[in-house]
Amino acid sequence: MSRYRNTLLRTDKNNERYLSTSKLPIIPKQDTDILIIGKMGQTLTGLANQYYGDVNLWWVIARANPECFEGGINVKIGTEYRIPTDLSVIGVEIVSGGGSVGSTMGSSTGGY
């Protein structure tokens, strides 16, 4: 799911096109969330691919952990991150994932 799916295309006074501001959904904490500790070389896109099978869902992890980011896609080493597993609460359905979420593949230790 693209985070721009419901974003309106606007035109300014110079006839330049741009996307309007989108409000991303709040992702509530759930007992089924996976907790991981950030490691060197990890990125939001890499985690999204590992857990959801879709690099475009990086924003879900960023939105679930707003206190952990100052912009960029790099994960901070030693910082705990929450990986939401039930994305239906924000209107996303994972059909087949690359890791623990949405599939039977992946770590049985919850991502540690």
N, C-alpha and C. Protein backbone atom coordinates (compact mmCIF):
# COMPACT_ATOMS: atom_id res chain seq x y z
N MET A 1 0.84 -1.18 0.00
CA MET A 1 0.00 0.00 0.00
C MET A 1 0.88 1.24 0.00
N SER A 2 0.70 2.08 -0.95
CA SER A 2 1.44 3.32 -0.99
C SER A 2 0.86 4.30 0.02
N ARG A 3 1.73 4.99 0.71
CA ARG A 3 1.24 5.97 1.68
C ARG A 3 0.62 7.17 0.96
N TYR A 4 0.78 7.27 -0.34
CA TYR A 4 0.22 8.37 -1.11
C TYR A 4 -1.10 8.00 -1.78
N ARG A 5 -1.61 6.80 -1.49
CA ARG A 5 -2.81 6.29 -2.16
C ARG A 5 -3.98 7.27 -2.08
N ASN A 6 -4.21 7.86 -0.93
CA ASN A 6 -5.35 8.75 -0.76
C ASN A 6 -4.96 10.23 -0.75
N THR A 7 -3.78 10.55 -1.26
CA THR A 7 -3.31 11.92 -1.28
C THR A 7 -3.79 12.64 -2.53
N LEU A 8 -4.27 13.84 -2.35
CA LEU A 8 -4.76 14.63 -3.48
C LEU A 8 -3.62 15.29 -4.22
N LEU A 9 -3.74 15.38 -5.52
CA LEU A 9 -2.79 16.10 -6.35
C LEU A 9 -3.29 17.53 -6.50
N ARG A 10 -2.46 18.48 -6.15
CA ARG A 10 -2.85 19.89 -6.20
C ARG A 10 -1.97 20.64 -7.18
N THR A 11 -2.42 21.83 -7.57
CA THR A 11 -1.67 22.70 -8.47
C THR A 11 -1.57 24.07 -7.83
N ASP A 12 -0.35 24.64 -7.81
CA ASP A 12 -0.18 25.97 -7.21
C ASP A 12 -0.42 27.06 -8.25
N LYS A 13 -0.21 28.33 -7.86
CA LYS A 13 -0.50 29.46 -8.75
C LYS A 13 0.41 29.51 -9.97
N ASN A 14 1.57 28.82 -9.91
CA ASN A 14 2.48 28.76 -11.05
C ASN A 14 2.24 27.51 -11.91
N ASN A 15 1.13 26.86 -11.64
CA ASN A 15 0.73 25.65 -12.35
C ASN A 15 1.68 24.47 -12.10
N GLU A 16 2.39 24.51 -10.95
CA GLU A 16 3.25 23.40 -10.54
C GLU A 16 2.39 22.41 -9.76
N ARG A 17 2.54 21.13 -10.09
CA ARG A 17 1.76 20.10 -9.40
C ARG A 17 2.52 19.59 -8.18
N TYR A 18 1.80 19.28 -7.12
CA TYR A 18 2.38 18.71 -5.91
C TYR A 18 1.32 17.90 -5.18
N LEU A 19 1.80 17.02 -4.30
CA LEU A 19 0.89 16.22 -3.49
C LEU A 19 0.54 17.00 -2.24
N SER A 20 -0.72 16.97 -1.87
CA SER A 20 -1.14 17.64 -0.65
C SER A 20 -0.61 16.87 0.56
N THR A 21 -0.65 17.50 1.70
CA THR A 21 -0.18 16.87 2.93
C THR A 21 -1.10 15.71 3.30
N SER A 22 -0.50 14.59 3.65
CA SER A 22 -1.27 13.42 4.06
C SER A 22 -1.13 13.23 5.56
N LYS A 23 -2.22 12.85 6.19
CA LYS A 23 -2.17 12.49 7.60
C LYS A 23 -2.06 10.98 7.68
N LEU A 24 -0.93 10.51 8.20
CA LEU A 24 -0.74 9.08 8.34
C LEU A 24 -1.52 8.58 9.55
N PRO A 25 -2.03 7.38 9.48
CA PRO A 25 -2.83 6.86 10.59
C PRO A 25 -1.97 6.61 11.84
N ILE A 26 -2.60 6.73 12.99
CA ILE A 26 -1.94 6.38 14.24
C ILE A 26 -1.93 4.86 14.33
N ILE A 27 -0.82 4.30 14.74
CA ILE A 27 -0.70 2.85 14.83
C ILE A 27 -0.66 2.48 16.31
N PRO A 28 -1.77 1.95 16.83
CA PRO A 28 -1.84 1.65 18.26
C PRO A 28 -0.93 0.48 18.65
N LYS A 29 -0.44 0.53 19.89
CA LYS A 29 0.35 -0.58 20.42
C LYS A 29 -0.58 -1.77 20.63
N GLN A 30 -0.06 -2.96 20.29
CA GLN A 30 -0.84 -4.18 20.47
C GLN A 30 0.06 -5.26 21.06
N ASP A 31 -0.55 -6.21 21.73
CA ASP A 31 0.19 -7.31 22.33
C ASP A 31 0.91 -8.16 21.29
N THR A 32 0.45 -8.12 20.06
CA THR A 32 1.04 -8.94 19.00
C THR A 32 2.24 -8.28 18.33
N ASP A 33 2.55 -7.03 18.67
CA ASP A 33 3.68 -6.34 18.07
C ASP A 33 4.99 -7.07 18.40
N ILE A 34 5.92 -7.00 17.47
CA ILE A 34 7.25 -7.59 17.66
C ILE A 34 8.18 -6.47 18.10
N LEU A 35 9.01 -6.74 19.10
CA LEU A 35 10.00 -5.78 19.56
C LEU A 35 11.37 -6.25 19.09
N ILE A 36 12.12 -5.31 18.49
CA ILE A 36 13.47 -5.63 18.04
C ILE A 36 14.42 -4.57 18.58
N ILE A 37 15.71 -4.88 18.59
CA ILE A 37 16.75 -3.92 18.94
C ILE A 37 17.50 -3.58 17.66
N GLY A 38 17.63 -2.28 17.37
CA GLY A 38 18.30 -1.83 16.15
C GLY A 38 19.74 -2.28 16.08
N LYS A 39 20.14 -2.75 14.91
CA LYS A 39 21.51 -3.22 14.67
C LYS A 39 22.15 -2.40 13.57
N MET A 40 23.47 -2.41 13.55
CA MET A 40 24.22 -1.67 12.53
C MET A 40 23.80 -2.13 11.14
N GLY A 41 23.57 -1.18 10.28
CA GLY A 41 23.22 -1.48 8.90
C GLY A 41 21.74 -1.65 8.63
N GLN A 42 20.92 -1.71 9.67
CA GLN A 42 19.48 -1.86 9.44
C GLN A 42 18.86 -0.54 9.01
N THR A 43 17.87 -0.64 8.14
CA THR A 43 17.12 0.52 7.68
C THR A 43 15.63 0.22 7.80
N LEU A 44 14.83 1.27 7.75
CA LEU A 44 13.39 1.09 7.78
C LEU A 44 12.91 0.28 6.59
N THR A 45 13.48 0.53 5.43
CA THR A 45 13.06 -0.22 4.24
C THR A 45 13.44 -1.68 4.36
N GLY A 46 14.61 -1.96 4.94
CA GLY A 46 15.03 -3.34 5.15
C GLY A 46 14.13 -4.07 6.13
N LEU A 47 13.75 -3.39 7.22
CA LEU A 47 12.84 -4.00 8.19
C LEU A 47 11.46 -4.23 7.58
N ALA A 48 10.99 -3.26 6.80
CA ALA A 48 9.69 -3.42 6.14
C ALA A 48 9.71 -4.61 5.19
N ASN A 49 10.80 -4.77 4.47
CA ASN A 49 10.92 -5.92 3.57
C ASN A 49 10.99 -7.22 4.37
N GLN A 50 11.74 -7.23 5.46
CA GLN A 50 11.89 -8.43 6.28
C GLN A 50 10.58 -8.86 6.93
N TYR A 51 9.84 -7.90 7.49
CA TYR A 51 8.65 -8.25 8.25
C TYR A 51 7.34 -8.20 7.45
N TYR A 52 7.31 -7.39 6.38
CA TYR A 52 6.07 -7.25 5.62
C TYR A 52 6.20 -7.73 4.17
N GLY A 53 7.44 -7.93 3.72
CA GLY A 53 7.65 -8.33 2.33
C GLY A 53 7.42 -7.19 1.36
N ASP A 54 7.47 -5.93 1.86
CA ASP A 54 7.20 -4.76 1.03
C ASP A 54 7.96 -3.56 1.57
N VAL A 55 8.99 -3.12 0.85
CA VAL A 55 9.80 -1.99 1.30
C VAL A 55 8.99 -0.70 1.40
N ASN A 56 7.88 -0.61 0.67
CA ASN A 56 7.06 0.59 0.68
C ASN A 56 6.31 0.79 2.00
N LEU A 57 6.32 -0.20 2.87
CA LEU A 57 5.65 -0.08 4.17
C LEU A 57 6.59 0.40 5.28
N TRP A 58 7.74 0.98 4.91
CA TRP A 58 8.69 1.50 5.89
C TRP A 58 8.04 2.53 6.80
N TRP A 59 7.09 3.28 6.24
CA TRP A 59 6.44 4.35 7.00
C TRP A 59 5.63 3.81 8.18
N VAL A 60 5.18 2.55 8.09
CA VAL A 60 4.42 1.95 9.19
C VAL A 60 5.32 1.84 10.42
N ILE A 61 6.55 1.37 10.22
CA ILE A 61 7.50 1.23 11.33
C ILE A 61 7.89 2.60 11.86
N ALA A 62 8.11 3.54 10.96
CA ALA A 62 8.46 4.90 11.39
C ALA A 62 7.32 5.53 12.19
N ARG A 63 6.11 5.36 11.74
CA ARG A 63 4.94 5.93 12.42
C ARG A 63 4.70 5.26 13.77
N ALA A 64 5.01 3.97 13.88
CA ALA A 64 4.83 3.25 15.14
C ALA A 64 5.90 3.62 16.17
N ASN A 65 6.99 4.24 15.72
CA ASN A 65 8.12 4.57 16.59
C ASN A 65 8.56 6.03 16.39
N PRO A 66 7.66 6.99 16.53
CA PRO A 66 8.02 8.38 16.21
C PRO A 66 9.14 8.94 17.08
N GLU A 67 9.27 8.44 18.30
CA GLU A 67 10.29 8.95 19.20
C GLU A 67 11.70 8.47 18.83
N CYS A 68 11.79 7.53 17.91
CA CYS A 68 13.08 6.93 17.55
C CYS A 68 13.72 7.54 16.31
N PHE A 69 13.03 8.47 15.66
CA PHE A 69 13.54 8.97 14.39
C PHE A 69 13.66 10.48 14.36
N GLU A 70 14.71 10.92 13.67
CA GLU A 70 14.91 12.35 13.43
C GLU A 70 14.97 12.59 11.94
N GLY A 71 14.32 11.73 11.19
CA GLY A 71 14.37 11.79 9.73
C GLY A 71 15.34 10.74 9.22
N GLY A 72 15.25 10.42 7.96
CA GLY A 72 16.10 9.40 7.38
C GLY A 72 15.53 8.01 7.59
N ILE A 73 16.18 7.02 6.99
CA ILE A 73 15.67 5.66 7.06
C ILE A 73 16.54 4.74 7.91
N ASN A 74 17.65 5.25 8.44
CA ASN A 74 18.53 4.40 9.23
C ASN A 74 17.97 4.15 10.62
N VAL A 75 18.19 2.93 11.10
CA VAL A 75 17.76 2.52 12.43
C VAL A 75 18.90 2.82 13.40
N LYS A 76 18.58 3.32 14.58
CA LYS A 76 19.60 3.62 15.59
C LYS A 76 20.02 2.33 16.29
N ILE A 77 21.32 2.12 16.36
CA ILE A 77 21.86 0.93 17.00
C ILE A 77 21.50 0.93 18.49
N GLY A 78 21.00 -0.20 18.98
CA GLY A 78 20.69 -0.37 20.39
C GLY A 78 19.34 0.18 20.82
N THR A 79 18.60 0.77 19.91
CA THR A 79 17.28 1.33 20.22
C THR A 79 16.21 0.28 19.98
N GLU A 80 15.23 0.22 20.88
CA GLU A 80 14.13 -0.74 20.72
C GLU A 80 13.09 -0.17 19.76
N TYR A 81 12.67 -1.01 18.82
CA TYR A 81 11.65 -0.65 17.84
C TYR A 81 10.49 -1.62 17.92
N ARG A 82 9.32 -1.08 17.70
CA ARG A 82 8.09 -1.87 17.67
C ARG A 82 7.69 -2.10 16.22
N ILE A 83 7.52 -3.37 15.87
CA ILE A 83 7.08 -3.75 14.53
C ILE A 83 5.62 -4.19 14.65
N PRO A 84 4.68 -3.37 14.19
CA PRO A 84 3.26 -3.75 14.27
C PRO A 84 3.00 -4.99 13.40
N THR A 85 2.23 -5.91 13.93
CA THR A 85 1.92 -7.13 13.17
C THR A 85 0.52 -7.11 12.57
N ASP A 86 -0.42 -6.47 13.24
CA ASP A 86 -1.79 -6.41 12.74
C ASP A 86 -2.01 -5.05 12.08
N LEU A 87 -1.79 -5.01 10.77
CA LEU A 87 -1.92 -3.75 10.04
C LEU A 87 -3.34 -3.49 9.59
N SER A 88 -4.25 -4.40 9.88
CA SER A 88 -5.64 -4.20 9.50
C SER A 88 -6.24 -3.00 10.22
N VAL A 89 -5.68 -2.64 11.39
CA VAL A 89 -6.19 -1.49 12.13
C VAL A 89 -5.95 -0.17 11.40
N ILE A 90 -5.03 -0.19 10.42
CA ILE A 90 -4.77 1.02 9.63
C ILE A 90 -5.15 0.81 8.17
N GLY A 91 -5.86 -0.28 7.89
CA GLY A 91 -6.35 -0.51 6.53
C GLY A 91 -5.36 -1.17 5.60
N VAL A 92 -4.34 -1.85 6.14
CA VAL A 92 -3.36 -2.54 5.32
C VAL A 92 -3.51 -4.03 5.56
N GLU A 93 -3.54 -4.80 4.47
CA GLU A 93 -3.59 -6.25 4.59
C GLU A 93 -2.33 -6.83 3.99
N ILE A 94 -1.62 -7.62 4.77
CA ILE A 94 -0.41 -8.28 4.28
C ILE A 94 -0.82 -9.65 3.76
N VAL A 95 -0.67 -9.85 2.46
CA VAL A 95 -1.06 -11.11 1.86
C VAL A 95 0.06 -12.13 2.00
N SER A 96 1.27 -11.72 1.69
CA SER A 96 2.43 -12.60 1.88
C SER A 96 3.60 -11.74 2.29
N GLY A 97 4.18 -12.06 3.42
CA GLY A 97 5.28 -11.27 3.94
C GLY A 97 6.60 -11.96 3.76
N GLY A 98 7.66 -11.23 4.04
CA GLY A 98 8.99 -11.79 3.91
C GLY A 98 9.52 -12.31 5.21
N GLY A 99 8.86 -12.06 6.32
CA GLY A 99 9.38 -12.48 7.61
C GLY A 99 8.28 -12.95 8.52
N SER A 100 8.37 -12.58 9.77
CA SER A 100 7.46 -13.08 10.79
C SER A 100 6.03 -12.60 10.62
N VAL A 101 5.83 -11.46 10.03
CA VAL A 101 4.50 -10.91 9.88
C VAL A 101 3.94 -11.32 8.53
N GLY A 102 2.74 -11.89 8.53
CA GLY A 102 2.08 -12.21 7.27
C GLY A 102 2.53 -13.49 6.61
N SER A 103 3.41 -14.24 7.25
CA SER A 103 3.83 -15.50 6.65
C SER A 103 4.29 -16.44 7.75
N THR A 104 4.62 -17.64 7.36
CA THR A 104 5.14 -18.60 8.33
C THR A 104 6.65 -18.66 8.29
N MET A 105 7.27 -17.82 7.46
CA MET A 105 8.72 -17.78 7.37
C MET A 105 9.25 -16.76 8.37
N GLY A 106 10.52 -16.84 8.67
CA GLY A 106 11.15 -15.84 9.51
C GLY A 106 11.52 -16.38 10.87
N SER A 107 11.96 -15.49 11.71
CA SER A 107 12.49 -15.85 13.02
C SER A 107 11.37 -16.25 13.97
N SER A 108 11.59 -17.29 14.73
CA SER A 108 10.63 -17.69 15.74
C SER A 108 10.88 -17.00 17.06
N THR A 109 11.93 -16.17 17.12
CA THR A 109 12.28 -15.48 18.35
C THR A 109 11.78 -14.05 18.36
N GLY A 110 10.88 -13.72 17.45
CA GLY A 110 10.32 -12.38 17.45
C GLY A 110 11.24 -11.32 16.89
N GLY A 111 12.23 -11.69 16.07
CA GLY A 111 13.06 -10.71 15.40
C GLY A 111 14.36 -10.38 16.13
N TYR A 112 14.65 -11.01 17.26
CA TYR A 112 15.92 -10.72 17.95
C TYR A 112 17.05 -11.49 17.35
